[in-house]
Amino acid sequence: MSDWKLPWTASCLCGQVKMRISAPPLFSAACHCDGCQKLSSGAYSLTMMLPPDGFEVLSGDTEIGAMHRAEIQHHYCTHCKSWLFTTGALLGGNVNFRPTMLEDASWVRPYVETWTAAKLPGVSTGATLSFEKFPTQDTFGEIIRGHAREGARP
Protein backbone atom coordinates (compact mmCIF):
# COMPACT_ATOMS: atom_id res chain seq x y z
CA MET A 1 0.00 0.00 0.00
CA SER A 2 3.02 2.34 0.01
CA ASP A 3 2.15 3.50 -3.53
CA TRP A 4 -0.63 5.69 -2.07
CA LYS A 5 1.91 8.37 -0.97
CA LEU A 6 0.22 9.05 2.35
CA PRO A 7 -0.56 11.06 4.43
CA TRP A 8 -2.71 13.59 2.58
CA THR A 9 -3.84 16.93 3.93
CA ALA A 10 -7.18 18.56 3.31
CA SER A 11 -9.15 21.62 4.32
CA CYS A 12 -12.50 23.28 3.81
CA LEU A 13 -12.97 26.25 1.47
CA CYS A 14 -12.08 28.85 4.13
CA GLY A 15 -9.26 26.76 5.63
CA GLN A 16 -10.58 26.71 9.21
CA VAL A 17 -11.14 22.92 9.22
CA LYS A 18 -7.96 20.98 8.50
CA MET A 19 -7.96 17.21 8.04
CA ARG A 20 -5.46 14.39 7.50
CA ILE A 21 -5.92 11.10 5.65
CA SER A 22 -3.37 8.49 6.74
CA ALA A 23 -4.84 5.28 5.27
CA PRO A 24 -5.74 4.39 1.68
CA PRO A 25 -9.38 4.76 0.72
CA LEU A 26 -11.47 1.59 0.65
CA PHE A 27 -12.93 2.90 -2.60
CA SER A 28 -13.90 6.09 -4.38
CA ALA A 29 -17.37 6.71 -5.74
CA ALA A 30 -19.71 9.05 -7.53
CA CYS A 31 -23.25 8.91 -6.17
CA HIS A 32 -26.03 10.09 -8.48
CA CYS A 33 -28.92 9.79 -5.99
CA ASP A 34 -31.31 12.71 -5.66
CA GLY A 35 -30.05 13.46 -2.15
CA CYS A 36 -26.40 13.72 -3.24
CA GLN A 37 -27.38 15.88 -6.19
CA LYS A 38 -29.12 18.29 -3.83
CA LEU A 39 -26.39 18.19 -1.15
CA SER A 40 -23.61 18.85 -3.65
CA SER A 41 -25.57 21.18 -5.96
CA GLY A 42 -24.13 19.08 -8.76
CA ALA A 43 -24.78 16.07 -10.94
CA TYR A 44 -23.31 13.71 -8.30
CA SER A 45 -21.29 13.71 -5.09
CA LEU A 46 -17.71 12.51 -5.23
CA THR A 47 -16.57 10.56 -2.21
CA MET A 48 -13.85 8.36 -0.73
CA MET A 49 -14.75 5.75 1.83
CA LEU A 50 -12.02 5.80 4.48
CA PRO A 51 -11.39 3.49 7.42
CA PRO A 52 -12.05 5.36 10.69
CA ASP A 53 -8.43 5.09 11.87
CA GLY A 54 -7.23 6.68 8.61
CA PHE A 55 -9.02 10.01 8.99
CA GLU A 56 -8.79 12.82 11.52
CA VAL A 57 -9.84 16.42 11.91
CA LEU A 58 -6.71 18.29 12.96
CA SER A 59 -8.26 21.68 13.66
CA GLY A 60 -11.47 23.62 13.30
CA ASP A 61 -15.06 22.85 14.16
CA THR A 62 -17.71 20.99 12.23
CA GLU A 63 -21.47 20.95 12.58
CA ILE A 64 -24.10 18.48 11.46
CA GLY A 65 -26.18 19.62 8.53
CA ALA A 66 -28.47 18.33 5.80
CA MET A 67 -30.77 15.48 6.84
CA HIS A 68 -30.08 15.36 10.61
CA ARG A 69 -30.66 11.61 10.90
CA ALA A 70 -29.36 9.48 13.74
CA GLU A 71 -27.93 6.83 11.38
CA ILE A 72 -25.96 9.26 9.20
CA GLN A 73 -24.40 12.65 9.93
CA HIS A 74 -23.13 15.09 7.31
CA HIS A 75 -20.33 17.26 8.73
CA TYR A 76 -19.88 20.86 7.53
CA CYS A 77 -17.43 23.62 8.39
CA THR A 78 -19.11 25.94 10.89
CA HIS A 79 -17.81 29.00 9.04
CA CYS A 80 -17.87 28.39 5.26
CA LYS A 81 -20.42 25.55 5.36
CA SER A 82 -18.37 23.26 3.06
CA TRP A 83 -19.63 19.64 3.12
CA LEU A 84 -16.54 17.81 4.43
CA PHE A 85 -17.39 14.24 5.36
CA THR A 86 -20.15 11.92 6.53
CA THR A 87 -20.20 9.50 9.47
CA GLY A 88 -22.80 7.24 11.04
CA ALA A 89 -24.00 3.70 11.61
CA LEU A 90 -25.00 3.29 7.95
CA LEU A 91 -21.31 3.50 7.04
CA GLY A 92 -20.21 0.73 9.39
CA GLY A 93 -17.84 3.04 11.25
CA ASN A 94 -16.14 4.27 8.07
CA VAL A 95 -15.86 7.91 7.01
CA ASN A 96 -17.30 9.11 3.73
CA PHE A 97 -14.81 11.90 2.87
CA ARG A 98 -15.27 14.56 0.16
CA PRO A 99 -12.00 14.31 -1.81
CA THR A 100 -12.37 17.77 -3.32
CA MET A 101 -11.18 18.97 0.10
CA LEU A 102 -7.71 17.46 -0.57
CA GLU A 103 -4.85 19.88 -1.16
CA ASP A 104 -4.43 18.12 -4.51
CA ALA A 105 -7.51 16.33 -5.81
CA SER A 106 -6.38 16.39 -9.45
CA TRP A 107 -5.82 12.62 -9.49
CA VAL A 108 -9.15 11.57 -7.92
CA ARG A 109 -11.41 9.45 -10.13
CA PRO A 110 -14.42 7.44 -8.94
CA TYR A 111 -13.95 3.67 -9.10
CA VAL A 112 -17.68 3.08 -8.58
CA GLU A 113 -20.77 5.05 -9.49
CA THR A 114 -24.01 4.42 -7.62
CA TRP A 115 -27.65 5.27 -8.18
CA THR A 116 -27.23 5.52 -11.95
CA ALA A 117 -31.03 5.17 -12.13
CA ALA A 118 -31.12 8.85 -11.06
CA LYS A 119 -28.14 9.96 -13.19
CA LEU A 120 -28.74 13.21 -15.05
CA PRO A 121 -28.59 13.02 -18.87
CA GLY A 122 -25.13 13.45 -20.38
CA VAL A 123 -23.22 12.90 -17.12
CA SER A 124 -20.09 10.78 -17.34
CA THR A 125 -17.84 9.92 -14.39
CA GLY A 126 -15.29 7.51 -15.84
CA ALA A 127 -16.07 5.00 -13.08
CA THR A 128 -15.00 1.39 -13.60
CA LEU A 129 -18.13 -0.10 -12.02
CA SER A 130 -21.74 1.13 -12.19
CA PHE A 131 -24.74 0.23 -10.08
CA GLU A 132 -28.35 1.19 -10.79
CA LYS A 133 -28.93 1.66 -7.07
CA PHE A 134 -26.55 1.19 -4.13
CA PRO A 135 -24.33 -1.92 -4.27
CA THR A 136 -25.45 -4.82 -2.11
CA GLN A 137 -23.40 -5.73 0.95
CA ASP A 138 -22.07 -8.89 -0.73
CA THR A 139 -20.40 -6.84 -3.50
CA PHE A 140 -18.31 -4.62 -1.21
CA GLY A 141 -15.47 -7.11 -0.83
CA GLU A 142 -14.84 -7.19 -4.58
CA ILE A 143 -15.28 -3.42 -4.87
CA ILE A 144 -12.65 -2.86 -2.16
CA ARG A 145 -10.25 -5.42 -3.70
CA GLY A 146 -10.75 -3.95 -7.17
CA HIS A 147 -10.11 -0.42 -5.95
CA ALA A 148 -6.96 -1.57 -4.13
CA ARG A 149 -5.69 -3.02 -7.45
CA GLU A 150 -6.95 -0.45 -9.95
CA GLY A 151 -8.08 2.69 -8.12
CA ALA A 152 -6.57 6.05 -9.07
CA ARG A 153 -3.59 7.14 -6.99
CA PRO A 154 -1.75 10.45 -6.55
C-alpha atoms as a PDB file:
ATOM      1  CA  MET A   1       0.000   0.000   0.000  1.00  0.00           C
ATOM      2  CA  SER A   2       3.015   2.339   0.011  1.00  0.00           C
ATOM      3  CA  ASP A   3       2.151   3.498  -3.526  1.00  0.00           C
ATOM      4  CA  TRP A   4      -0.627   5.686  -2.067  1.00  0.00           C
ATOM      5  CA  LYS A   5       1.910   8.367  -0.974  1.00  0.00           C
ATOM      6  CA  LEU A   6       0.217   9.048   2.355  1.00  0.00           C
ATOM      7  CA  PRO A   7      -0.557  11.059   4.427  1.00  0.00           C
ATOM      8  CA  TRP A   8      -2.710  13.594   2.579  1.00  0.00           C
ATOM      9  CA  THR A   9      -3.843  16.925   3.926  1.00  0.00           C
ATOM     10  CA  ALA A  10      -7.184  18.557   3.311  1.00  0.00           C
ATOM     11  CA  SER A  11      -9.154  21.619   4.320  1.00  0.00           C
ATOM     12  CA  CYS A  12     -12.497  23.278   3.810  1.00  0.00           C
ATOM     13  CA  LEU A  13     -12.975  26.251   1.475  1.00  0.00           C
ATOM     14  CA  CYS A  14     -12.083  28.852   4.128  1.00  0.00           C
ATOM     15  CA  GLY A  15      -9.263  26.761   5.633  1.00  0.00           C
ATOM     16  CA  GLN A  16     -10.577  26.707   9.210  1.00  0.00           C
ATOM     17  CA  VAL A  17     -11.138  22.922   9.221  1.00  0.00           C
ATOM     18  CA  LYS A  18      -7.963  20.980   8.504  1.00  0.00           C
ATOM     19  CA  MET A  19      -7.962  17.206   8.037  1.00  0.00           C
ATOM     20  CA  ARG A  20      -5.458  14.394   7.496  1.00  0.00           C
ATOM     21  CA  ILE A  21      -5.915  11.105   5.654  1.00  0.00           C
ATOM     22  CA  SER A  22      -3.373   8.491   6.736  1.00  0.00           C
ATOM     23  CA  ALA A  23      -4.837   5.278   5.269  1.00  0.00           C
ATOM     24  CA  PRO A  24      -5.736   4.386   1.681  1.00  0.00           C
ATOM     25  CA  PRO A  25      -9.383   4.760   0.720  1.00  0.00           C
ATOM     26  CA  LEU A  26     -11.470   1.587   0.654  1.00  0.00           C
ATOM     27  CA  PHE A  27     -12.929   2.899  -2.603  1.00  0.00           C
ATOM     28  CA  SER A  28     -13.899   6.092  -4.382  1.00  0.00           C
ATOM     29  CA  ALA A  29     -17.374   6.706  -5.738  1.00  0.00           C
ATOM     30  CA  ALA A  30     -19.710   9.053  -7.528  1.00  0.00           C
ATOM     31  CA  CYS A  31     -23.253   8.906  -6.174  1.00  0.00           C
ATOM     32  CA  HIS A  32     -26.033  10.092  -8.482  1.00  0.00           C
ATOM     33  CA  CYS A  33     -28.918   9.793  -5.991  1.00  0.00           C
ATOM     34  CA  ASP A  34     -31.315  12.714  -5.657  1.00  0.00           C
ATOM     35  CA  GLY A  35     -30.050  13.465  -2.146  1.00  0.00           C
ATOM     36  CA  CYS A  36     -26.403  13.719  -3.235  1.00  0.00           C
ATOM     37  CA  GLN A  37     -27.384  15.879  -6.186  1.00  0.00           C
ATOM     38  CA  LYS A  38     -29.120  18.293  -3.834  1.00  0.00           C
ATOM     39  CA  LEU A  39     -26.394  18.187  -1.147  1.00  0.00           C
ATOM     40  CA  SER A  40     -23.607  18.847  -3.654  1.00  0.00           C
ATOM     41  CA  SER A  41     -25.572  21.179  -5.956  1.00  0.00           C
ATOM     42  CA  GLY A  42     -24.130  19.081  -8.763  1.00  0.00           C
ATOM     43  CA  ALA A  43     -24.776  16.067 -10.939  1.00  0.00           C
ATOM     44  CA  TYR A  44     -23.309  13.711  -8.301  1.00  0.00           C
ATOM     45  CA  SER A  45     -21.291  13.713  -5.090  1.00  0.00           C
ATOM     46  CA  LEU A  46     -17.705  12.510  -5.227  1.00  0.00           C
ATOM     47  CA  THR A  47     -16.567  10.556  -2.208  1.00  0.00           C
ATOM     48  CA  MET A  48     -13.847   8.358  -0.734  1.00  0.00           C
ATOM     49  CA  MET A  49     -14.749   5.746   1.826  1.00  0.00           C
ATOM     50  CA  LEU A  50     -12.019   5.801   4.482  1.00  0.00           C
ATOM     51  CA  PRO A  51     -11.394   3.487   7.422  1.00  0.00           C
ATOM     52  CA  PRO A  52     -12.046   5.364  10.692  1.00  0.00           C
ATOM     53  CA  ASP A  53      -8.434   5.094  11.870  1.00  0.00           C
ATOM     54  CA  GLY A  54      -7.232   6.683   8.613  1.00  0.00           C
ATOM     55  CA  PHE A  55      -9.016  10.007   8.987  1.00  0.00           C
ATOM     56  CA  GLU A  56      -8.792  12.822  11.518  1.00  0.00           C
ATOM     57  CA  VAL A  57      -9.841  16.418  11.906  1.00  0.00           C
ATOM     58  CA  LEU A  58      -6.714  18.290  12.961  1.00  0.00           C
ATOM     59  CA  SER A  59      -8.260  21.681  13.665  1.00  0.00           C
ATOM     60  CA  GLY A  60     -11.468  23.624  13.305  1.00  0.00           C
ATOM     61  CA  ASP A  61     -15.055  22.846  14.159  1.00  0.00           C
ATOM     62  CA  THR A  62     -17.708  20.992  12.231  1.00  0.00           C
ATOM     63  CA  GLU A  63     -21.465  20.947  12.582  1.00  0.00           C
ATOM     64  CA  ILE A  64     -24.098  18.478  11.464  1.00  0.00           C
ATOM     65  CA  GLY A  65     -26.180  19.624   8.525  1.00  0.00           C
ATOM     66  CA  ALA A  66     -28.469  18.329   5.796  1.00  0.00           C
ATOM     67  CA  MET A  67     -30.775  15.476   6.835  1.00  0.00           C
ATOM     68  CA  HIS A  68     -30.078  15.362  10.612  1.00  0.00           C
ATOM     69  CA  ARG A  69     -30.663  11.610  10.895  1.00  0.00           C
ATOM     70  CA  ALA A  70     -29.357   9.477  13.744  1.00  0.00           C
ATOM     71  CA  GLU A  71     -27.933   6.830  11.376  1.00  0.00           C
ATOM     72  CA  ILE A  72     -25.957   9.261   9.199  1.00  0.00           C
ATOM     73  CA  GLN A  73     -24.399  12.652   9.930  1.00  0.00           C
ATOM     74  CA  HIS A  74     -23.133  15.087   7.307  1.00  0.00           C
ATOM     75  CA  HIS A  75     -20.334  17.259   8.732  1.00  0.00           C
ATOM     76  CA  TYR A  76     -19.882  20.855   7.528  1.00  0.00           C
ATOM     77  CA  CYS A  77     -17.433  23.624   8.386  1.00  0.00           C
ATOM     78  CA  THR A  78     -19.105  25.942  10.887  1.00  0.00           C
ATOM     79  CA  HIS A  79     -17.812  28.999   9.039  1.00  0.00           C
ATOM     80  CA  CYS A  80     -17.872  28.393   5.258  1.00  0.00           C
ATOM     81  CA  LYS A  81     -20.416  25.546   5.360  1.00  0.00           C
ATOM     82  CA  SER A  82     -18.372  23.260   3.063  1.00  0.00           C
ATOM     83  CA  TRP A  83     -19.628  19.637   3.117  1.00  0.00           C
ATOM     84  CA  LEU A  84     -16.543  17.812   4.428  1.00  0.00           C
ATOM     85  CA  PHE A  85     -17.393  14.245   5.362  1.00  0.00           C
ATOM     86  CA  THR A  86     -20.148  11.920   6.527  1.00  0.00           C
ATOM     87  CA  THR A  87     -20.200   9.495   9.471  1.00  0.00           C
ATOM     88  CA  GLY A  88     -22.798   7.240  11.043  1.00  0.00           C
ATOM     89  CA  ALA A  89     -24.001   3.698  11.606  1.00  0.00           C
ATOM     90  CA  LEU A  90     -25.004   3.286   7.947  1.00  0.00           C
ATOM     91  CA  LEU A  91     -21.311   3.498   7.042  1.00  0.00           C
ATOM     92  CA  GLY A  92     -20.210   0.729   9.392  1.00  0.00           C
ATOM     93  CA  GLY A  93     -17.840   3.037  11.254  1.00  0.00           C
ATOM     94  CA  ASN A  94     -16.135   4.265   8.071  1.00  0.00           C
ATOM     95  CA  VAL A  95     -15.861   7.908   7.014  1.00  0.00           C
ATOM     96  CA  ASN A  96     -17.302   9.115   3.726  1.00  0.00           C
ATOM     97  CA  PHE A  97     -14.814  11.900   2.875  1.00  0.00           C
ATOM     98  CA  ARG A  98     -15.272  14.557   0.159  1.00  0.00           C
ATOM     99  CA  PRO A  99     -11.998  14.308  -1.812  1.00  0.00           C
ATOM    100  CA  THR A 100     -12.368  17.772  -3.324  1.00  0.00           C
ATOM    101  CA  MET A 101     -11.177  18.970   0.098  1.00  0.00           C
ATOM    102  CA  LEU A 102      -7.713  17.462  -0.568  1.00  0.00           C
ATOM    103  CA  GLU A 103      -4.848  19.876  -1.164  1.00  0.00           C
ATOM    104  CA  ASP A 104      -4.425  18.116  -4.512  1.00  0.00           C
ATOM    105  CA  ALA A 105      -7.510  16.330  -5.805  1.00  0.00           C
ATOM    106  CA  SER A 106      -6.381  16.389  -9.452  1.00  0.00           C
ATOM    107  CA  TRP A 107      -5.820  12.622  -9.486  1.00  0.00           C
ATOM    108  CA  VAL A 108      -9.153  11.570  -7.924  1.00  0.00           C
ATOM    109  CA  ARG A 109     -11.409   9.446 -10.128  1.00  0.00           C
ATOM    110  CA  PRO A 110     -14.422   7.440  -8.941  1.00  0.00           C
ATOM    111  CA  TYR A 111     -13.949   3.671  -9.096  1.00  0.00           C
ATOM    112  CA  VAL A 112     -17.677   3.076  -8.578  1.00  0.00           C
ATOM    113  CA  GLU A 113     -20.770   5.050  -9.492  1.00  0.00           C
ATOM    114  CA  THR A 114     -24.008   4.418  -7.618  1.00  0.00           C
ATOM    115  CA  TRP A 115     -27.647   5.270  -8.179  1.00  0.00           C
ATOM    116  CA  THR A 116     -27.235   5.522 -11.947  1.00  0.00           C
ATOM    117  CA  ALA A 117     -31.027   5.171 -12.125  1.00  0.00           C
ATOM    118  CA  ALA A 118     -31.118   8.847 -11.056  1.00  0.00           C
ATOM    119  CA  LYS A 119     -28.142   9.965 -13.190  1.00  0.00           C
ATOM    120  CA  LEU A 120     -28.745  13.207 -15.054  1.00  0.00           C
ATOM    121  CA  PRO A 121     -28.588  13.020 -18.870  1.00  0.00           C
ATOM    122  CA  GLY A 122     -25.132  13.452 -20.382  1.00  0.00           C
ATOM    123  CA  VAL A 123     -23.222  12.903 -17.120  1.00  0.00           C
ATOM    124  CA  SER A 124     -20.093  10.775 -17.337  1.00  0.00           C
ATOM    125  CA  THR A 125     -17.845   9.916 -14.389  1.00  0.00           C
ATOM    126  CA  GLY A 126     -15.290   7.514 -15.845  1.00  0.00           C
ATOM    127  CA  ALA A 127     -16.066   5.001 -13.079  1.00  0.00           C
ATOM    128  CA  THR A 128     -15.001   1.391 -13.605  1.00  0.00           C
ATOM    129  CA  LEU A 129     -18.134  -0.105 -12.018  1.00  0.00           C
ATOM    130  CA  SER A 130     -21.740   1.135 -12.189  1.00  0.00           C
ATOM    131  CA  PHE A 131     -24.743   0.226 -10.079  1.00  0.00           C
ATOM    132  CA  GLU A 132     -28.350   1.192 -10.794  1.00  0.00           C
ATOM    133  CA  LYS A 133     -28.932   1.661  -7.066  1.00  0.00           C
ATOM    134  CA  PHE A 134     -26.548   1.189  -4.132  1.00  0.00           C
ATOM    135  CA  PRO A 135     -24.328  -1.923  -4.271  1.00  0.00           C
ATOM    136  CA  THR A 136     -25.451  -4.823  -2.106  1.00  0.00           C
ATOM    137  CA  GLN A 137     -23.401  -5.732   0.946  1.00  0.00           C
ATOM    138  CA  ASP A 138     -22.068  -8.889  -0.728  1.00  0.00           C
ATOM    139  CA  THR A 139     -20.400  -6.839  -3.502  1.00  0.00           C
ATOM    140  CA  PHE A 140     -18.312  -4.621  -1.214  1.00  0.00           C
ATOM    141  CA  GLY A 141     -15.467  -7.114  -0.833  1.00  0.00           C
ATOM    142  CA  GLU A 142     -14.841  -7.188  -4.579  1.00  0.00           C
ATOM    143  CA  ILE A 143     -15.278  -3.419  -4.865  1.00  0.00           C
ATOM    144  CA  ILE A 144     -12.646  -2.859  -2.165  1.00  0.00           C
ATOM    145  CA  ARG A 145     -10.252  -5.423  -3.696  1.00  0.00           C
ATOM    146  CA  GLY A 146     -10.748  -3.945  -7.174  1.00  0.00           C
ATOM    147  CA  HIS A 147     -10.112  -0.423  -5.947  1.00  0.00           C
ATOM    148  CA  ALA A 148      -6.962  -1.565  -4.133  1.00  0.00           C
ATOM    149  CA  ARG A 149      -5.691  -3.016  -7.451  1.00  0.00           C
ATOM    150  CA  GLU A 150      -6.954  -0.452  -9.954  1.00  0.00           C
ATOM    151  CA  GLY A 151      -8.077   2.686  -8.119  1.00  0.00           C
ATOM    152  CA  ALA A 152      -6.570   6.049  -9.066  1.00  0.00           C
ATOM    153  CA  ARG A 153      -3.594   7.145  -6.987  1.00  0.00           C
ATOM    154  CA  PRO A 154      -1.749  10.452  -6.550  1.00  0.00           C
END
